[in-house]
Amino acid sequence: MANNILSVIWITDQHWSYYYLLIGFLLLIICFLLYRLRQLKKNIGKEQDYYHSLFDILDNLPFPIMVKDIQNSFRYYYWNKESELQSGIKREEAIGCTDYEIYGEERGRKYRDVDESLVQADKIYRAEESYSTVDGAVHDTIAVKSIIKWKEKKKWLLVTRWDITRLKTYERELIAAKEELEKALNKQKLALKSVNFGLIYIDKNYLVQWEETTQIASLVKGRHYTPGQICYKTSALRDTPCEQCAFQKAIEQGKIIRHTIQIDQVDFEVTATPVYDNEGIEIIGGLLRFEDITEKVKMDKMLQEAKEKAEESNRLKSAFLANMSHEIRTPLNAIIGFSDMICQTGEEEEKQEYMKIVSSNNELLLQLIDDILDLSKIEAGTMEFSLAPTDINDLMEGICRQMQEKNTSPDVAITFTEKAEECILNTDRVRLSQVIINFTNNAMKFTPKGSIQMGYRIDEAKDEIYFYVKDTGIGIPEDEVNRIFERFYRVDKTRDRETGGTGLGLSITHSTIMMHKGSIKVNSKEEEGTTILVRIPLKQPTTHG
């Protein structure tokens, strides 16, 4: 479009140059003819036929020609036929008269001022003037006036008028076309600026012809496409084309090429489209489209992660169901098997032993069912907490006595070792008790001798309370510490089966603490013992759900 505008301006300038050249040439002809006419009138009085032929030439020129006698008050000396046709004034009416006498005071004064200033300056006058013909039509013209000097120092004023109405019409049309083109270009620029991607047109020599990268310029600093410059020098700061240049591949292969790149932590999709000549045969360049797909890449990554999480969740669900089926079947088989043996044996001592086993597995089965129900509530987000002011010292002392009564090993001492003078916490007493009891029960299972210490401390600076259970048991292997809160996971499968447990207690405990906006830290060393530290904010919300 810019080339079209330049063409319009060039054409207009060419018209005017040609026009002025033509005027000058015709003026020379007219001057020569007038000069010859004067010479013929003065020196060749007998050659009247030639004299008349020269006047016939002037009379038949397609534009007005008038001659004024400067020394005689600018009275008209000559008036050709075209002057008669355009003005409607006969030659006999004009010759010997001034502009005042022909056109009146106002118009005559205007012409006389121009003539006098021209004579004083001794130069050619050229100006655009509007001129009305006898038919009432207004014409755009160029009036040209010049001084003709003769040997006897006689001065004449040559006046001619060129009709440029058609040229002015063309000029106005060209100006209007130029304005329309400029409007179209402006609309195109506004449209391109409104899109959320960049467009660059590059010729086959890698020269940028035009670009619109307003929307991506702010994303990439120090890299740009400059019209008239090699694209890879300003955009990639290279001396050779980029190794994975989509534009290069597009013009080499003659097809659309797409790929993604990352520049300054921004992901772009680059689309290179080859551009053919008018015949559709030769590739003359290519159009590059840059689109910011950073958010799209993030979304795709999130969707992929969500897919993987869903697949993992489905896998865990299947594994949970399989484990749950196994865990439920184990105590049920024991209950059914030993119940049959009770019926079959006649020994009272054996019956009592079998009944203990059945009772133990009944408790295990009930605990397993309770744990599964709690876990399902946690998964469904329906686990409810009844928060109320709770005396932590009273709670911890009660748990300690309960664990001491449950302890059957004389080699293990269970103590409540660290506390504050007073501590009232807004919490769910039952759920918090379950957390401490679960950790203590776990410590009792794997501490054959030594001690189990429980307690708490308050960090007022962080507005937090820390509960701990510390034992001197067998410890946990370093590579398994982070797995103890997995469902149905057992560090020592054989020993845990012997000591009982559902394999869900620690998982439920971990979820409960998370719902209290807390955290768990486990420190353990094999054959030395384990310390579990629970952090809970002192200020809890009024409700949980």
Protein backbone atom coordinates (compact mmCIF):
# COMPACT_ATOMS: atom_id res chain seq x y z
CA MET A 1 0.00 0.00 0.00
CA ALA A 2 2.87 2.41 0.82
CA ASN A 3 4.27 1.82 -2.70
CA ASN A 4 0.89 2.72 -4.20
CA ILE A 5 0.86 6.03 -2.34
CA LEU A 6 4.39 6.83 -3.54
CA SER A 7 3.30 5.97 -7.07
CA VAL A 8 0.39 8.38 -6.81
CA ILE A 9 2.66 11.22 -5.61
CA TRP A 10 5.23 10.45 -8.36
CA ILE A 11 2.56 10.45 -11.07
CA THR A 12 1.22 13.81 -9.83
CA ASP A 13 4.70 15.36 -9.84
CA GLN A 14 5.33 13.94 -13.34
CA HIS A 15 2.16 15.57 -14.63
CA TRP A 16 3.19 18.97 -13.37
CA SER A 17 6.78 18.69 -14.66
CA TYR A 18 5.51 17.73 -18.11
CA TYR A 19 3.02 20.53 -17.99
CA TYR A 20 5.59 23.22 -17.11
CA LEU A 21 7.96 21.92 -19.76
CA LEU A 22 5.17 22.12 -22.35
CA ILE A 23 4.28 25.66 -21.28
CA GLY A 24 7.88 26.77 -21.62
CA PHE A 25 8.16 25.20 -25.03
CA LEU A 26 4.97 26.80 -26.28
CA LEU A 27 6.04 30.17 -24.90
CA LEU A 28 9.22 29.90 -26.91
CA ILE A 29 7.21 29.10 -30.01
CA ILE A 30 4.85 31.99 -29.38
CA CYS A 31 7.69 34.41 -28.77
CA PHE A 32 9.42 33.24 -31.89
CA LEU A 33 6.25 33.61 -33.94
CA LEU A 34 5.54 37.06 -32.55
CA TYR A 35 9.09 38.04 -33.18
CA ARG A 36 8.86 36.82 -36.74
CA LEU A 37 5.52 38.55 -37.09
CA ARG A 38 7.01 41.83 -35.95
CA GLN A 39 9.95 41.44 -38.27
CA LEU A 40 7.71 40.63 -41.14
CA LYS A 41 5.48 43.62 -40.45
CA LYS A 42 8.49 45.93 -40.22
CA ASN A 43 10.82 44.62 -42.89
CA ILE A 44 8.69 42.56 -45.26
CA GLY A 45 5.62 44.66 -45.89
CA LYS A 46 5.19 43.11 -49.31
CA GLU A 47 4.84 39.59 -47.88
CA GLN A 48 1.35 40.04 -46.49
CA ASP A 49 0.32 36.45 -47.20
CA TYR A 50 3.08 35.15 -44.90
CA TYR A 51 2.12 37.73 -42.26
CA HIS A 52 -1.44 36.48 -42.33
CA SER A 53 -0.32 32.86 -42.16
CA LEU A 54 1.54 33.53 -38.91
CA PHE A 55 -1.54 35.10 -37.40
CA ASP A 56 -3.55 32.13 -38.60
CA ILE A 57 -1.23 29.86 -36.65
CA LEU A 58 -1.68 31.90 -33.48
CA ASP A 59 -5.42 32.06 -34.05
CA ASN A 60 -5.70 28.32 -34.35
CA LEU A 61 -3.73 27.41 -31.23
CA PRO A 62 -6.01 25.58 -28.71
CA PHE A 63 -5.50 28.06 -25.89
CA PRO A 64 -6.04 31.80 -25.40
CA ILE A 65 -3.23 34.13 -26.52
CA MET A 66 -3.31 37.84 -25.79
CA VAL A 67 -0.72 40.60 -26.20
CA LYS A 68 -0.77 43.86 -24.27
CA ASP A 69 1.08 47.06 -25.18
CA ILE A 70 2.97 47.97 -22.03
CA GLN A 71 3.74 51.53 -23.18
CA ASN A 72 0.12 52.15 -24.06
CA SER A 73 -1.50 51.53 -20.64
CA PHE A 74 -1.50 47.78 -21.16
CA ARG A 75 -4.02 47.97 -23.98
CA TYR A 76 -4.64 44.79 -25.87
CA TYR A 77 -2.72 44.55 -29.13
CA TYR A 78 -3.63 40.98 -30.06
CA TRP A 79 -6.56 38.67 -29.19
CA ASN A 80 -6.77 35.18 -30.79
CA LYS A 81 -9.82 33.08 -31.63
CA GLU A 82 -9.61 30.87 -28.51
CA SER A 83 -9.67 34.05 -26.41
CA GLU A 84 -12.86 35.00 -28.20
CA LEU A 85 -14.42 31.56 -27.59
CA GLN A 86 -13.58 31.38 -23.90
CA SER A 87 -14.34 34.98 -22.97
CA GLY A 88 -17.22 35.62 -25.38
CA ILE A 89 -15.56 38.93 -26.30
CA LYS A 90 -14.86 39.63 -29.93
CA ARG A 91 -11.39 40.60 -31.08
CA GLU A 92 -12.66 43.96 -32.31
CA GLU A 93 -14.10 44.67 -28.86
CA ALA A 94 -10.90 43.81 -27.04
CA ILE A 95 -8.04 45.21 -29.16
CA GLY A 96 -7.19 48.75 -28.07
CA CYS A 97 -8.99 48.37 -24.73
CA THR A 98 -7.69 47.95 -21.19
CA ASP A 99 -8.76 45.37 -18.61
CA TYR A 100 -10.81 48.08 -16.85
CA GLU A 101 -12.81 48.68 -20.02
CA ILE A 102 -13.35 44.96 -20.69
CA TYR A 103 -13.83 43.42 -17.21
CA GLY A 104 -14.78 46.32 -15.02
CA GLU A 105 -13.08 48.11 -12.12
CA GLU A 106 -12.61 45.22 -9.66
CA ARG A 107 -11.29 42.61 -12.05
CA GLY A 108 -9.41 45.21 -14.07
CA ARG A 109 -7.63 46.45 -10.94
CA LYS A 110 -6.61 42.91 -10.08
CA TYR A 111 -5.11 42.30 -13.53
CA ARG A 112 -3.39 45.70 -13.62
CA ASP A 113 -1.66 45.15 -10.25
CA VAL A 114 -0.26 41.85 -11.50
CA ASP A 115 0.91 43.40 -14.78
CA GLU A 116 2.63 46.35 -13.11
CA SER A 117 4.41 44.19 -10.53
CA LEU A 118 5.51 41.85 -13.32
CA VAL A 119 6.98 44.70 -15.39
CA GLN A 120 8.69 46.12 -12.30
CA ALA A 121 10.23 42.78 -11.35
CA ASP A 122 10.96 41.87 -14.98
CA LYS A 123 10.14 38.20 -14.53
CA ILE A 124 7.63 35.60 -15.69
CA TYR A 125 4.32 35.42 -13.84
CA ARG A 126 2.72 32.05 -13.34
CA ALA A 127 -0.32 31.38 -11.13
CA GLU A 128 -3.43 29.28 -10.88
CA GLU A 129 -6.64 31.18 -11.53
CA SER A 130 -10.31 30.34 -11.83
CA TYR A 131 -11.83 31.44 -15.11
CA SER A 132 -15.46 31.50 -16.24
CA THR A 133 -16.30 30.85 -19.87
CA VAL A 134 -19.36 32.22 -21.69
CA ASP A 135 -21.31 29.06 -20.94
CA GLY A 136 -21.01 29.80 -17.22
CA ALA A 137 -18.60 26.93 -16.50
CA VAL A 138 -15.79 27.65 -14.09
CA HIS A 139 -12.40 26.35 -15.19
CA ASP A 140 -9.17 25.84 -13.32
CA THR A 141 -6.40 27.49 -15.33
CA ILE A 142 -2.78 28.51 -15.17
CA ALA A 143 -2.18 32.08 -16.33
CA VAL A 144 1.28 32.79 -17.72
CA LYS A 145 2.53 36.30 -18.41
CA SER A 146 5.94 37.28 -19.81
CA ILE A 147 7.56 40.40 -21.26
CA ILE A 148 8.62 40.54 -24.93
CA LYS A 149 11.22 43.14 -25.87
CA TRP A 150 11.95 44.42 -29.41
CA LYS A 151 15.00 46.12 -30.84
CA GLU A 152 13.53 49.60 -30.57
CA LYS A 153 12.93 48.82 -26.91
CA LYS A 154 9.25 48.31 -27.46
CA LYS A 155 7.80 46.11 -24.66
CA TRP A 156 4.84 43.82 -25.00
CA LEU A 157 3.15 41.63 -22.39
CA LEU A 158 2.37 38.15 -23.65
CA VAL A 159 -0.59 36.55 -21.86
CA THR A 160 -1.68 32.94 -22.24
CA ARG A 161 -3.98 30.73 -20.28
CA TRP A 162 -3.91 26.96 -19.93
CA ASP A 163 -7.00 25.00 -18.94
CA ILE A 164 -6.04 22.55 -16.20
CA THR A 165 -9.56 21.65 -15.10
CA ARG A 166 -9.10 18.02 -16.05
CA LEU A 167 -5.68 17.89 -14.41
CA LYS A 168 -7.10 19.44 -11.24
CA THR A 169 -9.87 16.86 -11.30
CA TYR A 170 -7.25 14.13 -11.61
CA GLU A 171 -5.28 15.74 -8.83
CA ARG A 172 -8.29 15.84 -6.52
CA GLU A 173 -9.08 12.24 -7.37
CA LEU A 174 -5.50 11.23 -6.66
CA ILE A 175 -5.52 13.12 -3.36
CA ALA A 176 -8.79 11.44 -2.42
CA ALA A 177 -7.35 8.06 -3.40
CA LYS A 178 -4.26 8.81 -1.34
CA GLU A 179 -6.41 9.70 1.67
CA GLU A 180 -8.43 6.51 1.24
CA LEU A 181 -5.24 4.47 1.02
CA GLU A 182 -3.91 6.16 4.15
CA LYS A 183 -7.18 5.43 5.95
CA ALA A 184 -7.02 1.81 4.81
CA LEU A 185 -3.42 1.55 5.98
CA ASN A 186 -4.33 3.11 9.32
CA LYS A 187 -7.26 0.71 9.75
CA GLN A 188 -4.99 -2.18 8.86
CA LYS A 189 -2.43 -1.06 11.45
CA LEU A 190 -5.13 -0.66 14.10
CA ALA A 191 -6.50 -4.11 13.27
CA LEU A 192 -3.05 -5.69 13.46
CA LYS A 193 -2.30 -3.94 16.76
CA SER A 194 -5.52 -5.30 18.26
CA VAL A 195 -4.63 -8.95 17.69
CA ASN A 196 -2.79 -10.87 20.39
CA PHE A 197 -0.02 -12.08 18.12
CA GLY A 198 2.81 -10.65 16.00
CA LEU A 199 3.04 -10.65 12.19
CA ILE A 200 6.21 -10.14 10.20
CA TYR A 201 6.66 -10.26 6.42
CA ILE A 202 10.16 -11.24 5.29
CA ASP A 203 11.45 -11.59 1.72
CA LYS A 204 13.42 -14.59 0.56
CA ASN A 205 16.70 -12.76 1.34
CA TYR A 206 15.71 -12.54 5.04
CA LEU A 207 15.01 -8.79 4.80
CA VAL A 208 12.11 -7.61 6.94
CA GLN A 209 9.60 -5.77 4.73
CA TRP A 210 7.08 -4.85 7.42
CA GLU A 211 6.16 -5.93 10.90
CA GLU A 212 3.49 -5.57 13.53
CA THR A 213 4.78 -6.87 16.84
CA THR A 214 3.18 -4.45 19.31
CA GLN A 215 1.53 -7.24 21.29
CA ILE A 216 4.72 -9.29 21.78
CA ALA A 217 7.33 -6.52 22.01
CA SER A 218 6.70 -6.08 25.74
CA LEU A 219 7.24 -9.81 26.34
CA VAL A 220 10.69 -10.06 24.75
CA LYS A 221 13.30 -7.42 25.59
CA GLY A 222 16.17 -6.53 23.27
CA ARG A 223 14.83 -8.59 20.34
CA HIS A 224 12.93 -7.01 17.50
CA TYR A 225 12.23 -7.07 13.78
CA THR A 226 13.24 -3.92 11.90
CA PRO A 227 12.03 -3.20 8.33
CA GLY A 228 14.98 -3.13 5.93
CA GLN A 229 17.17 -5.22 8.26
CA ILE A 230 18.12 -8.91 8.22
CA CYS A 231 15.65 -10.65 10.52
CA TYR A 232 18.06 -12.96 12.38
CA LYS A 233 20.50 -10.13 13.12
CA THR A 234 17.98 -8.03 15.07
CA SER A 235 15.66 -10.75 16.41
CA ALA A 236 18.16 -13.47 17.34
CA LEU A 237 21.38 -11.40 17.45
CA ARG A 238 23.03 -13.84 15.02
CA ASP A 239 25.13 -13.55 11.89
CA THR A 240 23.55 -16.60 10.29
CA PRO A 241 19.97 -17.92 10.12
CA CYS A 242 18.69 -19.70 13.22
CA GLU A 243 19.29 -23.45 13.36
CA GLN A 244 15.59 -24.26 13.71
CA CYS A 245 14.32 -21.40 11.56
CA ALA A 246 10.67 -21.97 10.62
CA PHE A 247 10.88 -19.28 7.93
CA GLN A 248 13.85 -20.98 6.25
CA LYS A 249 12.07 -24.35 6.23
CA ALA A 250 8.86 -22.79 4.88
CA ILE A 251 10.50 -21.16 1.85
CA GLU A 252 12.68 -24.23 1.21
CA GLN A 253 9.84 -26.75 1.44
CA GLY A 254 7.04 -24.53 0.14
CA LYS A 255 4.65 -25.39 2.96
CA ILE A 256 3.45 -24.08 6.31
CA ILE A 257 5.84 -24.83 9.17
CA ARG A 258 4.93 -24.66 12.86
CA HIS A 259 7.05 -25.06 15.94
CA THR A 260 7.32 -23.74 19.49
CA ILE A 261 10.20 -21.78 20.98
CA GLN A 262 10.91 -20.16 24.33
CA ILE A 263 12.43 -16.68 24.54
CA ASP A 264 13.03 -14.93 27.87
CA GLN A 265 10.77 -17.40 29.72
CA VAL A 266 7.95 -16.79 27.23
CA ASP A 267 6.61 -19.66 25.13
CA PHE A 268 5.75 -18.83 21.50
CA GLU A 269 4.12 -20.78 18.71
CA VAL A 270 5.78 -19.75 15.43
CA THR A 271 3.90 -20.28 12.17
CA ALA A 272 5.78 -19.63 8.91
CA THR A 273 3.72 -19.41 5.71
CA PRO A 274 5.43 -19.16 2.27
CA VAL A 275 4.30 -16.26 0.03
CA TYR A 276 4.20 -16.80 -3.75
CA ASP A 277 4.34 -14.32 -6.63
CA ASN A 278 1.28 -13.33 -8.70
CA GLU A 279 1.65 -16.40 -10.88
CA GLY A 280 1.80 -18.64 -7.82
CA ILE A 281 5.03 -20.23 -9.01
CA GLU A 282 7.99 -18.58 -7.28
CA ILE A 283 8.29 -18.09 -3.52
CA ILE A 284 9.16 -14.45 -2.87
CA GLY A 285 9.07 -14.44 0.91
CA GLY A 286 7.21 -15.63 3.96
CA LEU A 287 4.82 -14.51 6.68
CA LEU A 288 5.80 -15.20 10.30
CA ARG A 289 3.14 -15.40 13.02
CA PHE A 290 4.20 -15.29 16.68
CA GLU A 291 1.62 -16.18 19.33
CA ASP A 292 2.21 -16.16 23.08
CA ILE A 293 1.17 -19.61 24.30
CA THR A 294 2.71 -19.39 27.77
CA GLU A 295 -0.65 -19.75 29.48
CA LYS A 296 -1.66 -22.52 27.10
CA VAL A 297 1.56 -24.40 27.90
CA LYS A 298 0.89 -23.94 31.61
CA MET A 299 -2.67 -25.16 31.17
CA ASP A 300 -1.51 -28.19 29.17
CA LYS A 301 1.01 -28.96 31.89
CA MET A 302 -1.67 -28.64 34.56
CA LEU A 303 -4.00 -30.89 32.58
CA GLN A 304 -1.23 -33.45 32.18
CA GLU A 305 -0.48 -33.32 35.90
CA ALA A 306 -4.19 -33.63 36.67
CA LYS A 307 -4.38 -36.62 34.36
CA GLU A 308 -1.41 -38.22 36.05
CA LYS A 309 -2.91 -37.50 39.49
CA ALA A 310 -6.21 -38.99 38.40
CA GLU A 311 -4.45 -42.08 37.10
CA GLU A 312 -2.45 -42.31 40.32
CA SER A 313 -5.60 -41.81 42.37
CA ASN A 314 -7.31 -44.57 40.43
CA ARG A 315 -4.31 -46.82 40.97
CA LEU A 316 -4.30 -46.02 44.69
CA LYS A 317 -8.03 -46.63 44.85
CA SER A 318 -7.61 -50.03 43.27
CA ALA A 319 -4.72 -50.82 45.58
CA PHE A 320 -6.72 -49.62 48.60
CA LEU A 321 -9.67 -51.82 47.70
CA ALA A 322 -7.39 -54.79 47.21
CA ASN A 323 -5.63 -54.14 50.52
CA MET A 324 -8.89 -53.49 52.35
CA SER A 325 -10.30 -56.77 51.04
CA HIS A 326 -7.19 -58.58 52.24
CA GLU A 327 -7.17 -56.82 55.62
CA ILE A 328 -10.83 -57.60 56.27
CA ARG A 329 -10.50 -61.18 55.11
CA THR A 330 -7.57 -61.87 57.51
CA PRO A 331 -9.45 -61.34 60.83
CA LEU A 332 -12.61 -62.87 59.36
CA ASN A 333 -10.74 -66.03 58.44
CA ALA A 334 -9.27 -66.13 61.95
CA ILE A 335 -12.70 -65.65 63.54
CA ILE A 336 -14.33 -68.32 61.38
CA GLY A 337 -11.44 -70.79 61.73
CA PHE A 338 -11.01 -70.54 65.46
CA SER A 339 -14.79 -70.54 66.02
CA ASP A 340 -14.92 -73.93 64.29
CA MET A 341 -12.04 -75.14 66.42
CA ILE A 342 -13.85 -74.02 69.57
CA CYS A 343 -16.77 -76.17 68.56
CA GLN A 344 -14.56 -79.13 67.78
CA THR A 345 -12.28 -79.17 70.81
CA GLY A 346 -13.26 -80.57 74.17
CA GLU A 347 -10.35 -79.07 76.04
CA GLU A 348 -11.40 -76.07 78.13
CA GLU A 349 -7.92 -74.55 78.07
CA GLU A 350 -7.82 -74.70 74.26
CA LYS A 351 -11.29 -73.19 74.06
CA GLN A 352 -10.19 -70.25 76.19
CA GLU A 353 -7.10 -69.71 74.01
CA TYR A 354 -9.16 -69.89 70.83
CA MET A 355 -11.75 -67.53 72.29
CA LYS A 356 -9.02 -64.96 73.04
CA ILE A 357 -7.89 -65.15 69.42
CA VAL A 358 -11.45 -64.74 68.18
CA SER A 359 -12.03 -61.78 70.51
CA SER A 360 -8.75 -60.13 69.43
CA ASN A 361 -9.68 -60.47 65.78
CA ASN A 362 -13.18 -59.14 66.53
CA GLU A 363 -11.59 -56.01 67.99
CA LEU A 364 -9.22 -55.76 65.03
CA LEU A 365 -12.09 -56.12 62.57
CA LEU A 366 -14.14 -53.46 64.37
CA GLN A 367 -11.15 -51.12 64.46
CA LEU A 368 -10.53 -51.72 60.77
CA ILE A 369 -14.14 -50.90 59.93
CA ASP A 370 -13.98 -47.72 62.07
CA ASP A 371 -10.73 -46.69 60.37
CA ILE A 372 -12.18 -47.29 56.91
CA LEU A 373 -15.24 -45.22 57.79
CA ASP A 374 -13.05 -42.39 59.10
CA LEU A 375 -10.88 -42.57 56.00
CA SER A 376 -13.91 -42.43 53.70
CA LYS A 377 -15.17 -39.35 55.57
CA ILE A 378 -11.80 -37.69 55.14
CA GLU A 379 -11.74 -38.50 51.43
CA ALA A 380 -15.29 -37.21 50.97
CA GLY A 381 -14.59 -34.07 53.00
CA THR A 382 -17.36 -34.89 55.47
CA MET A 383 -15.18 -35.42 58.53
CA GLU A 384 -16.58 -33.18 61.25
CA PHE A 385 -14.75 -31.68 64.20
CA SER A 386 -16.38 -30.55 67.41
CA LEU A 387 -14.15 -27.78 68.67
CA ALA A 388 -14.28 -26.75 72.26
CA PRO A 389 -11.90 -25.37 74.91
CA THR A 390 -9.81 -28.35 76.02
CA ASP A 391 -7.46 -28.66 79.00
CA ILE A 392 -4.37 -30.14 77.35
CA ASN A 393 -2.74 -31.15 80.64
CA ASP A 394 -5.83 -33.12 81.65
CA LEU A 395 -6.02 -34.73 78.18
CA MET A 396 -2.34 -35.77 78.15
CA GLU A 397 -2.42 -37.13 81.69
CA GLY A 398 -5.49 -39.21 80.83
CA ILE A 399 -3.79 -40.66 77.75
CA CYS A 400 -0.65 -41.44 79.75
CA ARG A 401 -2.64 -43.36 82.43
CA GLN A 402 -4.56 -45.25 79.70
CA MET A 403 -1.31 -46.26 77.98
CA GLN A 404 0.30 -47.28 81.29
CA GLU A 405 -2.68 -49.56 82.04
CA LYS A 406 -2.47 -51.03 78.55
CA ASN A 407 1.29 -51.61 78.77
CA THR A 408 2.09 -55.24 79.50
CA SER A 409 5.88 -54.96 79.34
CA PRO A 410 7.68 -54.35 82.66
CA ASP A 411 10.74 -53.23 80.70
CA VAL A 412 8.99 -50.19 79.20
CA ALA A 413 8.21 -47.00 81.15
CA ILE A 414 5.56 -44.59 79.80
CA THR A 415 5.74 -41.04 81.16
CA PHE A 416 4.26 -37.58 80.61
CA THR A 417 7.47 -35.57 80.82
CA GLU A 418 6.96 -32.01 79.51
CA LYS A 419 4.05 -29.61 79.86
CA ALA A 420 3.05 -26.02 80.59
CA GLU A 421 1.54 -24.85 83.85
CA GLU A 422 -1.72 -24.33 82.05
CA CYS A 423 -2.83 -24.85 78.46
CA ILE A 424 -6.37 -24.46 77.15
CA LEU A 425 -6.68 -25.19 73.42
CA ASN A 426 -9.78 -24.81 71.24
CA THR A 427 -9.76 -28.23 69.57
CA ASP A 428 -11.63 -31.50 69.08
CA ARG A 429 -10.68 -33.46 72.18
CA VAL A 430 -11.58 -36.87 70.68
CA ARG A 431 -9.64 -36.35 67.44
CA LEU A 432 -6.58 -34.94 69.20
CA SER A 433 -6.67 -37.86 71.65
CA GLN A 434 -6.75 -40.30 68.71
CA VAL A 435 -3.62 -38.66 67.27
CA ILE A 436 -1.61 -38.98 70.51
CA ILE A 437 -2.96 -42.48 71.24
CA ASN A 438 -2.11 -43.71 67.72
CA PHE A 439 1.47 -42.49 68.01
CA THR A 440 1.80 -43.95 71.52
CA ASN A 441 0.26 -47.32 70.50
CA ASN A 442 2.70 -47.46 67.60
CA ALA A 443 5.59 -46.74 69.96
CA MET A 444 4.45 -49.50 72.35
CA LYS A 445 4.34 -52.05 69.49
CA PHE A 446 7.97 -51.46 68.54
CA THR A 447 9.59 -50.67 71.87
CA PRO A 448 10.52 -53.95 73.60
CA LYS A 449 12.39 -52.12 76.39
CA GLY A 450 13.35 -48.64 77.47
CA SER A 451 10.93 -45.73 77.63
CA ILE A 452 8.16 -43.92 75.88
CA GLN A 453 7.93 -40.21 76.63
CA MET A 454 5.08 -37.91 75.67
CA GLY A 455 4.66 -34.19 76.16
CA TYR A 456 4.15 -30.81 74.58
CA ARG A 457 5.69 -27.34 74.42
CA ILE A 458 4.31 -23.95 73.35
CA ASP A 459 6.05 -21.56 70.96
CA GLU A 460 4.32 -18.24 71.63
CA ALA A 461 6.45 -16.41 69.07
CA LYS A 462 5.08 -18.62 66.29
CA ASP A 463 1.71 -19.04 68.00
CA GLU A 464 2.06 -22.83 67.80
CA ILE A 465 1.93 -25.90 70.06
CA TYR A 466 4.19 -28.93 69.58
CA PHE A 467 3.18 -32.44 70.74
CA TYR A 468 5.74 -35.25 70.74
CA VAL A 469 5.99 -38.97 71.39
CA LYS A 470 9.52 -40.27 71.83
CA ASP A 471 10.52 -43.94 72.20
CA THR A 472 13.67 -46.04 72.46
CA GLY A 473 12.35 -48.78 70.17
CA ILE A 474 13.67 -50.50 67.06
CA GLY A 475 13.42 -47.37 64.90
CA ILE A 476 12.49 -47.00 61.25
CA PRO A 477 14.84 -47.49 58.27
CA GLU A 478 15.80 -44.17 56.71
CA ASP A 479 14.40 -45.11 53.30
CA GLU A 480 10.99 -45.92 54.81
CA VAL A 481 10.44 -42.93 57.12
CA ASN A 482 8.47 -40.98 54.50
CA ARG A 483 6.21 -43.97 53.77
CA ILE A 484 4.84 -44.72 57.21
CA PHE A 485 1.74 -42.56 56.61
CA GLU A 486 0.75 -44.48 53.48
CA ARG A 487 -2.40 -46.59 53.77
CA PHE A 488 -1.78 -50.24 54.78
CA TYR A 489 1.97 -49.64 54.74
CA ARG A 490 3.95 -51.60 57.36
CA VAL A 491 7.65 -51.22 58.04
CA ASP A 492 7.92 -54.86 59.32
CA LYS A 493 4.96 -56.77 57.90
CA THR A 494 5.56 -59.92 59.93
CA ARG A 495 6.07 -58.20 63.24
CA ASP A 496 3.19 -55.78 62.72
CA ARG A 497 0.83 -58.63 62.00
CA GLU A 498 1.89 -60.15 65.26
CA THR A 499 1.42 -56.94 67.19
CA GLY A 500 -1.88 -56.11 65.50
CA GLY A 501 -2.94 -52.92 63.79
CA THR A 502 -4.98 -52.03 60.74
CA GLY A 503 -2.32 -50.23 58.75
CA LEU A 504 -4.60 -47.17 58.51
CA GLY A 505 -4.05 -45.49 61.87
CA LEU A 506 -1.04 -43.36 60.90
CA SER A 507 -2.66 -42.40 57.57
CA ILE A 508 -5.81 -41.22 59.37
CA THR A 509 -3.69 -39.43 61.96
CA HIS A 510 -1.76 -37.62 59.26
CA SER A 511 -4.99 -36.49 57.53
CA THR A 512 -6.44 -35.31 60.84
CA ILE A 513 -3.39 -33.16 61.58
CA MET A 514 -3.49 -31.69 58.06
CA MET A 515 -7.13 -30.73 58.61
CA HIS A 516 -5.95 -28.89 61.75
CA LYS A 517 -3.52 -26.92 59.50
CA GLY A 518 -0.70 -28.72 61.26
CA SER A 519 2.32 -30.77 60.25
CA ILE A 520 4.24 -33.92 61.30
CA LYS A 521 7.98 -34.45 61.53
CA VAL A 522 9.52 -37.90 62.08
CA ASN A 523 13.07 -38.43 63.38
CA SER A 524 14.15 -42.05 63.62
CA LYS A 525 17.27 -44.18 63.77
CA GLU A 526 17.31 -47.95 63.72
CA GLU A 527 17.93 -49.63 67.09
CA GLU A 528 17.89 -46.23 68.82
CA GLY A 529 14.29 -45.10 68.64
CA THR A 530 11.81 -42.75 67.01
CA THR A 531 10.53 -39.24 67.81
CA ILE A 532 7.31 -37.95 66.23
CA LEU A 533 6.74 -34.19 66.48
CA VAL A 534 3.29 -32.73 65.72
CA ARG A 535 2.86 -28.97 65.10
CA ILE A 536 -0.61 -27.40 65.44
CA PRO A 537 -1.56 -23.67 65.37
CA LEU A 538 -2.80 -22.42 68.74
CA LYS A 539 -5.68 -20.58 67.10
CA GLN A 540 -8.06 -22.94 65.35
CA PRO A 541 -11.12 -21.96 63.31
CA THR A 542 -14.45 -22.25 65.10
CA THR A 543 -15.61 -25.10 62.86
CA HIS A 544 -14.13 -27.82 60.69
CA GLY A 545 -15.84 -29.76 58.03
